[in-house]
């Protein structure tokens, strides 16, 4: 199960708690990064993306949008016409 699916399965109260926890962890890691104590600085990007995922799910629920089950199929482009300007 990927992160997005796990986040979609959480209740509204759990989403709020998860968002608060992620923001607190990001806050703490920023200080550790500034003092050079973070072993893997890429974790900051991962936390930011997780925060965005949680906020997206919260907004979808607020707007009552249907759950997106994966990537949508690209629409077919119309065929180009062979007649051009001369």
Protein backbone atom coordinates (compact mmCIF):
# COMPACT_ATOMS: atom_id res chain seq x y z
CA UNK A 1 0.00 0.00 0.00
CA UNK A 2 1.50 3.36 -0.99
CA UNK A 3 1.52 6.50 1.11
CA UNK A 4 -1.35 8.17 -0.72
CA UNK A 5 -3.61 5.15 -0.25
CA UNK A 6 -2.77 5.00 3.46
CA UNK A 7 -3.56 8.70 3.84
CA UNK A 8 -6.90 8.30 2.03
CA UNK A 9 -7.85 5.54 4.48
CA UNK A 10 -7.47 7.82 7.53
CA UNK A 11 -10.44 9.51 9.18
CA UNK A 12 -10.73 13.29 9.36
CA UNK A 13 -9.56 13.37 12.97
CA UNK A 14 -6.60 11.14 12.15
CA UNK A 15 -5.71 13.43 9.24
CA UNK A 16 -5.60 16.44 11.54
CA UNK A 17 -3.40 14.57 14.00
CA UNK A 18 -1.14 13.32 11.19
CA UNK A 19 -0.80 16.85 9.79
CA UNK A 20 0.14 18.26 13.19
CA UNK A 21 2.69 15.49 13.74
CA UNK A 22 4.27 15.97 10.31
CA UNK A 23 4.50 19.74 10.77
CA UNK A 24 6.11 19.30 14.19
CA UNK A 25 8.61 16.80 12.79
CA UNK A 26 9.45 19.16 9.91
CA UNK A 27 9.95 22.01 12.38
CA UNK A 28 12.35 19.92 14.45
CA UNK A 29 14.24 18.67 11.41
CA UNK A 30 14.74 22.20 10.11
CA UNK A 31 16.56 23.10 13.31
CA UNK A 32 18.64 19.94 13.16
CA UNK A 33 19.46 20.65 9.52
CA UNK A 34 20.58 24.19 10.38
CA UNK A 35 22.99 22.83 12.99
CA UNK A 36 24.23 20.04 10.73
CA UNK A 37 22.75 17.18 12.76
CA UNK A 38 20.54 15.67 10.04
CA UNK A 39 22.04 12.52 8.56
CA UNK A 40 19.72 12.45 5.54
CA UNK A 41 18.62 15.95 4.43
CA UNK A 42 16.32 14.46 1.76
CA UNK A 43 13.89 13.55 4.53
CA UNK A 44 12.87 17.23 4.57
CA UNK A 45 11.51 16.93 1.02
CA UNK A 46 9.71 13.72 1.89
CA UNK A 47 8.02 15.35 4.88
CA UNK A 48 6.92 18.33 2.79
CA UNK A 49 5.38 15.99 0.22
CA UNK A 50 3.60 14.01 2.95
CA UNK A 51 2.20 17.26 4.36
CA UNK A 52 0.97 18.19 0.88
CA UNK A 53 -0.66 14.76 0.48
CA UNK A 54 -2.53 15.12 3.77
CA UNK A 55 -3.65 18.65 2.91
CA UNK A 56 -4.83 17.50 -0.53
CA UNK A 57 -6.96 14.72 0.95
CA UNK A 58 -8.43 17.16 3.48
CA UNK A 59 -9.29 19.62 0.71
CA UNK A 60 -10.82 16.87 -1.45
CA UNK A 61 -13.05 15.83 1.42
CA UNK A 62 -13.97 19.45 2.12
CA UNK A 63 -15.00 19.86 -1.52
CA UNK A 64 -16.47 16.32 -1.60
CA UNK A 65 -14.46 15.35 -4.68
CA UNK A 66 -14.35 11.70 -5.74
CA UNK A 67 -11.24 9.79 -4.77
CA UNK A 68 -8.67 9.62 -7.57
CA UNK A 69 -7.64 5.99 -7.99
CA UNK A 70 -4.33 6.41 -9.76
CA UNK A 71 -3.24 8.25 -12.83
CA UNK A 72 -5.89 9.17 -15.36
CA UNK A 73 -5.51 8.08 -18.92
CA UNK A 74 -4.27 10.77 -21.24
CA UNK A 75 -6.83 12.05 -23.70
CA UNK A 76 -6.12 11.38 -27.33
CA UNK A 77 -4.89 14.45 -29.19
CA UNK A 78 -6.77 15.37 -32.35
CA UNK A 79 -4.98 14.40 -35.54
CA UNK A 80 -3.03 17.22 -37.15
CA UNK A 81 -4.30 18.35 -40.51
CA UNK A 82 -1.96 18.23 -43.45
CA UNK A 83 -3.20 21.50 -44.93
CA UNK A 84 -1.05 24.37 -43.83
CA UNK A 85 -0.60 27.98 -44.85
CA UNK A 86 1.39 28.63 -48.00
